[in-house]
Amino acid sequence: MSLPELPKFRYRQPRMDYVEDVEQYVPGGYHPVDIDDVIGTDDKRYIVIHKLGFGGFSTVWLVRSCQDMRYFALKILRADVTNANELRILQHLKGLGSDHPNVVSLYDSFQIEGPNGSHHCLVFPALGPSLYNLSVAENLSGPVRHRVCQQIASGMAFLHQQGICHGDLTISNIVFELPDIRFMSPTGLCQLLGPIKAEKLRLPNGSYSPHAPKQVVQRPDLSGLDLSLLVNVRIVDFGQAFFANQPPTSLGIPIQCFPPEVCFGLPPSAGSDIWDLACVLYQVHGIAYLFPVFFPIFGILMGTIVGMLGPLPPRWKGRFMFDEYGYRERGQLKNVDRKEPPWWFEDQALEESMNARLFKSAPHLSAPQREEFAQLLLEMLAYEPEKRLSAINAVQRLKSAAFLDDN
């Protein structure tokens, strides 16, 4: 049975900054959830405690099992997300019978029906803030940053050993484990994460919509959390993941981490993950983007990469996919002759060495550490995907005496 089409209206804008697009609570959109709602199936039910986060395709809630009182993260996908790829990948990992301490594991999954459609629900261990949280990232000590790099690379090596590519490795998808919360009360846990801040969500006439929650809830501000306790991370969000032998045609990763070979017709691969991993490792130590591109223009990305790494491979010349990645204005392709700038493939002086960039962005690294880290990143950023350092080799290098030498 199809859902009725909603009349055109706008919700009253919340007074607080929640970022979330409240107008997406429509058929095919988010599932309306309020604090203290009970969600689940007959045999497994969860009560909503707090909000953990949201994205373009899902919202994540802190919940407590009604059966054994354990805490979990409940990810509810939008109703229009019909691709069950994430669930398929996670179930495959679960079926292996062994997990990895730095890769999130699936606890439960089910579907629910709501006013906006049918929603896939995924249940994970309750986790804390991501590396995208600037207040968390800026307060990490040098040793913890290095430990985090080792963990991320180790988790990626595990995935590649299982024939799985993540496809969307960014700092947003690297999440810290919380301190032990097993024996905390819901009230104590909310004090740890920060109080629930919410704003009523009404239609212009003052009434509530059956398609939306009664209030929009802000993510935790972590005001009660001792950030020094955040030392272990897990890789999350497998919505863009794929089996290495079944690559997609493109990737949905942000442009700052987009592997350049995909723009020239090469399929995403484990090598593409390594490019993303290098971008993430740089951010862990340097906070800033490795390739700071702030407009979704792939031509600018290529220019930025060439300025830092040197000319693109000659065999890529003439293969840039303008129809897919060319810059457009008002729907019209600007580069109508579909020719790459010649300087993309020509030798030129680099804007700055990797070592010099790390000297400015990661002053906590000693000179030997900086030199070793710069070399590691450059080997992971080889243009040809098959020439990039593997994840397992990256782990070994990150644990090497050369890197750990702080003299």
Protein backbone atom coordinates (compact mmCIF):
# COMPACT_ATOMS: atom_id res chain seq x y z
CA MET A 1 0.00 0.00 0.00
CA SER A 2 1.53 3.33 -1.02
CA LEU A 3 1.76 6.15 1.47
CA PRO A 4 -0.25 9.31 0.88
CA GLU A 5 1.58 12.32 -0.49
CA LEU A 6 2.10 14.99 2.14
CA PRO A 7 0.90 18.54 1.65
CA LYS A 8 3.56 21.18 1.11
CA PHE A 9 4.61 22.64 4.45
CA ARG A 10 7.61 23.59 6.50
CA TYR A 11 8.23 22.65 10.08
CA ARG A 12 8.80 25.46 12.51
CA GLN A 13 12.57 25.82 12.59
CA PRO A 14 14.12 24.79 15.92
CA ARG A 15 15.76 27.59 17.89
CA MET A 16 18.87 25.50 18.60
CA ASP A 17 21.37 24.40 15.97
CA TYR A 18 20.73 20.72 15.26
CA VAL A 19 22.01 20.64 11.69
CA GLU A 20 19.63 17.78 10.87
CA ASP A 21 17.23 18.46 8.00
CA VAL A 22 13.90 18.26 9.79
CA GLU A 23 12.03 18.43 6.49
CA GLN A 24 13.18 14.90 5.68
CA TYR A 25 10.52 13.40 7.95
CA VAL A 26 8.32 12.56 4.99
CA PRO A 27 7.38 9.31 3.21
CA GLY A 28 10.63 7.64 2.27
CA GLY A 29 12.59 9.68 4.83
CA TYR A 30 13.64 9.28 8.45
CA HIS A 31 11.68 7.26 10.99
CA PRO A 32 10.23 9.56 13.69
CA VAL A 33 11.74 8.67 17.08
CA ASP A 34 11.25 10.24 20.49
CA ILE A 35 13.13 9.66 23.73
CA ASP A 36 11.63 6.69 25.69
CA ASP A 37 10.15 5.12 22.55
CA VAL A 38 10.39 1.31 22.46
CA ILE A 39 11.59 -0.06 19.12
CA GLY A 40 12.15 -3.63 17.97
CA THR A 41 10.50 -6.98 17.44
CA ASP A 42 8.55 -9.27 19.75
CA ASP A 43 11.68 -11.05 20.99
CA LYS A 44 14.09 -8.09 21.04
CA ARG A 45 12.98 -4.63 22.04
CA TYR A 46 14.99 -1.51 22.79
CA ILE A 47 14.12 1.67 24.68
CA VAL A 48 15.53 4.94 23.31
CA ILE A 49 17.82 6.73 25.80
CA HIS A 50 19.65 9.44 23.84
CA LYS A 51 20.64 10.46 20.32
CA LEU A 52 24.14 9.56 19.14
CA GLY A 53 24.24 11.04 15.63
CA PHE A 54 22.76 11.23 12.17
CA GLY A 55 23.75 11.33 8.54
CA GLY A 56 22.19 11.66 5.13
CA PHE A 57 20.82 8.12 5.20
CA SER A 58 20.26 7.22 8.85
CA THR A 59 19.94 8.32 12.46
CA VAL A 60 21.71 6.58 15.34
CA TRP A 61 20.22 6.31 18.82
CA LEU A 62 21.56 5.14 22.16
CA VAL A 63 19.19 2.40 23.32
CA ARG A 64 18.91 -0.13 26.14
CA SER A 65 17.76 -3.70 25.66
CA CYS A 66 14.50 -4.49 27.40
CA GLN A 67 15.72 -8.08 27.79
CA ASP A 68 19.14 -7.82 29.46
CA MET A 69 19.49 -4.06 30.11
CA ARG A 70 22.62 -3.75 27.95
CA TYR A 71 23.29 -0.55 26.01
CA PHE A 72 23.53 -0.49 22.22
CA ALA A 73 23.62 1.88 19.27
CA LEU A 74 20.51 1.56 17.08
CA LYS A 75 20.98 2.74 13.51
CA ILE A 76 17.69 3.36 11.68
CA LEU A 77 18.06 3.77 7.92
CA ARG A 78 15.80 6.03 5.90
CA ALA A 79 12.88 4.24 4.27
CA ASP A 80 14.19 5.09 0.80
CA VAL A 81 17.47 3.28 1.52
CA THR A 82 16.45 -0.02 -0.01
CA ASN A 83 19.99 -1.21 -0.73
CA ALA A 84 20.75 -3.77 1.98
CA ASN A 85 24.46 -3.74 1.13
CA GLU A 86 25.58 -2.68 4.62
CA LEU A 87 23.60 -5.46 6.24
CA ARG A 88 24.96 -8.00 3.75
CA ILE A 89 28.58 -7.00 4.47
CA LEU A 90 28.08 -6.97 8.23
CA GLN A 91 26.34 -10.35 8.22
CA HIS A 92 29.20 -11.74 6.16
CA LEU A 93 31.70 -10.52 8.75
CA LYS A 94 29.56 -11.89 11.56
CA GLY A 95 29.35 -15.26 9.83
CA LEU A 96 33.14 -15.57 9.82
CA GLY A 97 32.98 -16.41 13.51
CA SER A 98 35.75 -13.97 14.42
CA ASP A 99 35.69 -10.22 14.78
CA HIS A 100 38.33 -7.54 15.13
CA PRO A 101 38.72 -5.14 18.06
CA ASN A 102 38.89 -2.16 15.70
CA VAL A 103 35.96 -3.02 13.42
CA VAL A 104 32.37 -2.61 14.59
CA SER A 105 30.37 -5.84 14.88
CA LEU A 106 26.68 -6.33 14.18
CA TYR A 107 24.64 -7.49 17.18
CA ASP A 108 21.11 -7.55 15.76
CA SER A 109 19.06 -6.42 12.77
CA PHE A 110 15.36 -6.14 11.99
CA GLN A 111 12.82 -4.06 10.07
CA ILE A 112 10.14 -1.76 11.40
CA GLU A 113 7.15 -0.11 9.77
CA GLY A 114 6.41 3.55 10.38
CA PRO A 115 4.44 6.45 8.96
CA ASN A 116 7.21 7.12 6.43
CA GLY A 117 7.69 3.54 5.24
CA SER A 118 9.72 0.43 6.08
CA HIS A 119 13.10 0.92 7.73
CA HIS A 120 16.11 -1.36 8.17
CA CYS A 121 17.46 -1.24 11.73
CA LEU A 122 20.98 -2.28 12.69
CA VAL A 123 22.10 -2.78 16.30
CA PHE A 124 25.74 -2.30 17.33
CA PRO A 125 27.70 -1.92 20.56
CA ALA A 126 27.23 1.55 22.01
CA LEU A 127 30.15 3.73 20.91
CA GLY A 128 31.21 7.29 21.55
CA PRO A 129 32.28 10.29 19.45
CA SER A 130 34.05 10.07 16.12
CA LEU A 131 37.37 11.61 15.11
CA TYR A 132 35.31 14.24 13.28
CA ASN A 133 34.55 15.76 16.70
CA LEU A 134 37.14 18.55 16.81
CA SER A 135 37.12 18.91 20.60
CA VAL A 136 38.01 15.22 20.86
CA ALA A 137 40.60 15.19 18.05
CA GLU A 138 42.44 18.27 19.31
CA ASN A 139 42.82 16.85 22.82
CA LEU A 140 44.48 13.57 21.85
CA SER A 141 48.06 13.16 23.03
CA GLY A 142 50.78 12.28 20.54
CA PRO A 143 51.07 8.66 21.75
CA VAL A 144 47.29 8.19 21.55
CA ARG A 145 47.24 9.59 18.00
CA HIS A 146 49.84 7.04 16.99
CA ARG A 147 47.93 4.24 18.72
CA VAL A 148 44.77 5.29 16.89
CA CYS A 149 46.66 5.16 13.56
CA GLN A 150 47.80 1.62 14.33
CA GLN A 151 44.26 0.55 15.19
CA ILE A 152 42.71 2.02 12.04
CA ALA A 153 45.32 0.39 9.82
CA SER A 154 44.88 -2.92 11.66
CA GLY A 155 41.11 -2.81 11.18
CA MET A 156 41.55 -2.07 7.48
CA ALA A 157 44.03 -4.95 7.12
CA PHE A 158 41.47 -7.28 8.69
CA LEU A 159 38.77 -6.18 6.24
CA HIS A 160 41.06 -6.64 3.26
CA GLN A 161 42.01 -10.10 4.47
CA GLN A 162 38.30 -10.95 4.38
CA GLY A 163 37.98 -9.64 0.82
CA ILE A 164 36.06 -6.52 1.88
CA CYS A 165 36.76 -2.90 0.97
CA HIS A 166 35.27 -0.20 3.18
CA GLY A 167 34.81 2.36 0.41
CA ASP A 168 34.15 5.30 2.75
CA LEU A 169 36.98 5.51 5.28
CA THR A 170 36.87 9.03 6.74
CA ILE A 171 37.39 10.45 10.22
CA SER A 172 33.58 10.51 10.59
CA ASN A 173 33.63 6.72 10.38
CA ILE A 174 36.34 6.23 13.02
CA VAL A 175 34.54 6.10 16.36
CA PHE A 176 35.91 5.87 19.90
CA GLU A 177 34.83 3.22 22.37
CA LEU A 178 33.21 4.62 25.51
CA PRO A 179 34.52 3.83 28.99
CA ASP A 180 32.79 0.86 30.64
CA ILE A 181 29.08 1.78 30.79
CA ARG A 182 27.64 -1.67 31.54
CA PHE A 183 26.63 -0.86 35.08
CA MET A 184 25.56 2.75 34.60
CA SER A 185 21.95 3.80 35.00
CA PRO A 186 20.34 5.61 32.05
CA THR A 187 20.48 8.80 34.10
CA GLY A 188 24.17 8.33 34.81
CA LEU A 189 24.88 7.58 31.19
CA CYS A 190 23.09 10.73 30.05
CA GLN A 191 25.17 12.71 32.55
CA LEU A 192 28.29 11.15 31.02
CA LEU A 193 27.32 12.04 27.46
CA GLY A 194 25.71 15.33 28.34
CA PRO A 195 22.08 16.26 29.06
CA ILE A 196 19.38 15.66 26.47
CA LYS A 197 18.74 18.91 24.63
CA ALA A 198 15.59 18.96 22.55
CA GLU A 199 13.26 21.38 20.83
CA LYS A 200 9.60 20.80 20.02
CA LEU A 201 8.93 20.18 16.37
CA ARG A 202 5.56 21.55 15.28
CA LEU A 203 3.80 22.49 12.09
CA PRO A 204 3.17 26.20 11.46
CA ASN A 205 -0.34 25.81 12.90
CA GLY A 206 1.11 24.52 16.17
CA SER A 207 0.12 20.87 15.73
CA TYR A 208 2.38 17.82 15.48
CA SER A 209 2.88 15.87 12.27
CA PRO A 210 2.33 12.10 12.38
CA HIS A 211 5.34 11.79 10.06
CA ALA A 212 7.79 13.49 12.44
CA PRO A 213 8.87 13.15 16.09
CA LYS A 214 7.43 15.51 18.67
CA GLN A 215 10.86 16.97 19.25
CA VAL A 216 14.22 17.14 17.53
CA VAL A 217 17.08 16.00 19.75
CA GLN A 218 20.62 17.34 19.72
CA ARG A 219 23.58 15.00 19.65
CA PRO A 220 25.42 14.57 23.00
CA ASP A 221 27.79 17.38 23.88
CA LEU A 222 30.02 14.94 25.86
CA SER A 223 30.15 17.45 28.73
CA GLY A 224 30.49 14.69 31.36
CA LEU A 225 33.00 12.56 29.48
CA ASP A 226 36.68 12.45 30.41
CA LEU A 227 38.22 12.72 26.95
CA SER A 228 41.51 11.25 28.19
CA LEU A 229 39.72 7.89 28.47
CA LEU A 230 39.12 7.77 24.71
CA VAL A 231 41.95 5.61 23.38
CA ASN A 232 40.43 2.73 21.38
CA VAL A 233 38.61 3.14 18.07
CA ARG A 234 36.49 1.11 15.68
CA ILE A 235 35.77 1.47 11.99
CA VAL A 236 32.02 1.91 11.43
CA ASP A 237 29.48 2.59 8.65
CA PHE A 238 29.62 -0.02 5.89
CA GLY A 239 27.00 1.63 3.71
CA GLN A 240 29.55 2.10 0.88
CA ALA A 241 31.46 -1.16 1.50
CA PHE A 242 31.86 -3.79 -1.20
CA PHE A 243 33.45 -7.15 -1.84
CA ALA A 244 36.81 -6.70 -3.56
CA ASN A 245 35.76 -8.95 -6.44
CA GLN A 246 32.53 -6.98 -6.94
CA PRO A 247 33.63 -3.33 -7.13
CA PRO A 248 31.12 -0.54 -7.79
CA THR A 249 31.60 1.92 -10.63
CA SER A 250 32.27 4.85 -8.28
CA LEU A 251 32.45 5.83 -4.61
CA GLY A 252 30.39 8.05 -2.34
CA ILE A 253 33.35 9.19 -0.24
CA PRO A 254 33.91 12.94 0.34
CA ILE A 255 36.05 14.63 -2.28
CA GLN A 256 38.96 15.26 0.13
CA CYS A 257 39.56 11.49 0.31
CA PHE A 258 38.49 10.55 -3.21
CA PRO A 259 41.09 8.26 -4.86
CA PRO A 260 42.16 9.84 -8.16
CA GLU A 261 42.27 6.64 -10.24
CA VAL A 262 38.47 6.34 -10.04
CA CYS A 263 38.19 9.64 -11.93
CA PHE A 264 40.16 8.03 -14.77
CA GLY A 265 38.00 4.93 -15.14
CA LEU A 266 39.79 2.50 -12.83
CA PRO A 267 37.44 0.56 -10.54
CA PRO A 268 37.48 1.13 -6.76
CA SER A 269 39.65 -1.44 -5.03
CA ALA A 270 41.59 -2.28 -1.88
CA GLY A 271 44.13 0.21 -3.25
CA SER A 272 41.44 2.90 -3.13
CA ASP A 273 40.96 2.09 0.55
CA ILE A 274 44.70 2.56 1.09
CA TRP A 275 44.49 6.07 -0.43
CA ASP A 276 41.64 6.84 1.99
CA LEU A 277 43.60 5.32 4.86
CA ALA A 278 46.57 7.61 4.14
CA CYS A 279 44.24 10.62 4.17
CA VAL A 280 42.81 9.53 7.53
CA LEU A 281 46.21 8.81 9.10
CA TYR A 282 47.38 12.29 8.12
CA GLN A 283 44.30 13.83 9.72
CA VAL A 284 44.80 11.88 12.94
CA HIS A 285 48.21 13.48 13.42
CA GLY A 286 47.71 16.74 11.55
CA ILE A 287 43.98 17.51 12.14
CA ALA A 288 43.75 19.26 8.73
CA TYR A 289 42.86 17.60 5.41
CA LEU A 290 45.75 16.09 3.48
CA PHE A 291 44.14 17.39 0.27
CA PRO A 292 42.21 20.52 1.31
CA VAL A 293 39.54 20.83 -1.38
CA PHE A 294 36.46 22.67 -0.13
CA PHE A 295 34.34 22.67 -3.28
CA PRO A 296 33.04 19.49 -4.95
CA ILE A 297 35.11 20.11 -8.08
CA PHE A 298 37.25 17.16 -9.10
CA GLY A 299 39.43 19.29 -11.37
CA ILE A 300 40.52 21.25 -8.28
CA LEU A 301 41.17 17.96 -6.49
CA MET A 302 43.44 16.75 -9.30
CA GLY A 303 45.34 20.03 -9.28
CA THR A 304 45.78 19.84 -5.51
CA ILE A 305 47.03 16.27 -5.69
CA VAL A 306 49.46 17.04 -8.53
CA GLY A 307 50.81 20.03 -6.61
CA MET A 308 51.62 17.78 -3.66
CA LEU A 309 52.59 14.48 -5.30
CA GLY A 310 53.76 15.34 -8.79
CA PRO A 311 52.41 14.56 -12.28
CA LEU A 312 49.75 11.95 -12.91
CA PRO A 313 50.68 8.72 -14.74
CA PRO A 314 51.04 9.23 -18.52
CA ARG A 315 48.73 6.27 -19.22
CA TRP A 316 45.89 8.16 -17.53
CA LYS A 317 46.09 10.96 -20.10
CA GLY A 318 42.87 11.33 -22.06
CA ARG A 319 40.93 9.09 -19.65
CA PHE A 320 39.47 11.65 -17.22
CA MET A 321 35.72 10.94 -17.03
CA PHE A 322 34.33 14.41 -17.68
CA ASP A 323 30.73 13.22 -17.92
CA GLU A 324 30.97 11.85 -14.39
CA TYR A 325 33.48 14.16 -12.69
CA GLY A 326 33.71 17.27 -14.88
CA TYR A 327 32.75 20.65 -13.44
CA ARG A 328 29.29 21.88 -14.36
CA GLU A 329 27.45 25.16 -13.99
CA ARG A 330 23.67 25.14 -14.30
CA GLY A 331 23.92 21.59 -15.55
CA GLN A 332 26.30 22.46 -18.39
CA LEU A 333 29.78 20.93 -18.60
CA LYS A 334 32.32 23.78 -18.54
CA ASN A 335 35.16 21.86 -20.21
CA VAL A 336 33.32 21.20 -23.45
CA ASP A 337 36.42 19.92 -25.31
CA ARG A 338 36.94 17.28 -22.60
CA LYS A 339 40.70 17.75 -22.40
CA GLU A 340 42.69 17.57 -19.18
CA PRO A 341 45.06 20.46 -18.39
CA PRO A 342 48.49 19.46 -19.78
CA TRP A 343 50.24 20.36 -16.51
CA TRP A 344 48.49 17.47 -14.74
CA PHE A 345 51.00 15.24 -16.54
CA GLU A 346 54.08 17.49 -16.56
CA ASP A 347 56.98 17.67 -14.10
CA GLN A 348 56.92 20.73 -11.90
CA ALA A 349 58.17 21.87 -8.52
CA LEU A 350 56.05 20.53 -5.66
CA GLU A 351 54.26 23.09 -3.53
CA GLU A 352 55.63 21.56 -0.32
CA SER A 353 57.17 18.27 0.77
CA MET A 354 55.19 15.87 2.94
CA ASN A 355 57.82 16.24 5.65
CA ALA A 356 57.45 20.03 5.61
CA ARG A 357 53.67 19.79 5.85
CA LEU A 358 53.94 17.46 8.85
CA PHE A 359 56.44 19.84 10.48
CA LYS A 360 53.69 22.48 10.53
CA SER A 361 50.61 20.33 11.11
CA ALA A 362 52.00 17.70 13.52
CA PRO A 363 54.61 19.41 15.74
CA HIS A 364 54.28 16.63 18.34
CA LEU A 365 56.18 14.28 16.00
CA SER A 366 59.94 14.14 16.43
CA ALA A 367 62.14 14.61 13.36
CA PRO A 368 62.72 10.84 12.92
CA GLN A 369 59.01 10.12 13.39
CA ARG A 370 58.07 12.83 10.93
CA GLU A 371 60.47 11.51 8.31
CA GLU A 372 59.22 7.94 8.70
CA PHE A 373 55.56 9.00 8.66
CA ALA A 374 56.05 11.15 5.55
CA GLN A 375 57.65 8.23 3.72
CA LEU A 376 54.87 5.89 4.83
CA LEU A 377 52.19 8.25 3.52
CA LEU A 378 53.93 8.70 0.18
CA GLU A 379 54.13 4.92 -0.32
CA MET A 380 50.41 4.66 0.45
CA LEU A 381 49.67 7.47 -2.02
CA ALA A 382 51.31 5.94 -5.09
CA TYR A 383 49.18 6.85 -8.10
CA GLU A 384 48.89 3.29 -9.37
CA PRO A 385 46.64 1.43 -6.87
CA GLU A 386 48.57 -1.84 -7.17
CA LYS A 387 51.79 -0.06 -6.16
CA ARG A 388 50.39 1.29 -2.90
CA LEU A 389 51.59 -0.15 0.38
CA SER A 390 49.18 -2.80 1.70
CA ALA A 391 47.27 -2.25 4.95
CA ILE A 392 49.12 -5.08 6.71
CA ASN A 393 52.46 -3.54 5.69
CA ALA A 394 51.25 -0.16 6.92
CA VAL A 395 50.51 -1.76 10.31
CA GLN A 396 54.01 -3.21 10.45
CA ARG A 397 55.55 0.14 9.56
CA LEU A 398 53.48 1.98 12.17
CA LYS A 399 54.79 -0.45 14.78
CA SER A 400 58.39 -0.28 13.59
CA ALA A 401 61.24 0.95 15.74
CA ALA A 402 61.97 3.67 13.18
CA PHE A 403 58.58 5.27 13.73
CA LEU A 404 58.56 4.74 17.49
CA ASP A 405 61.96 6.34 17.87
CA ASP A 406 61.32 9.67 19.58
CA ASN A 407 64.93 10.81 19.88
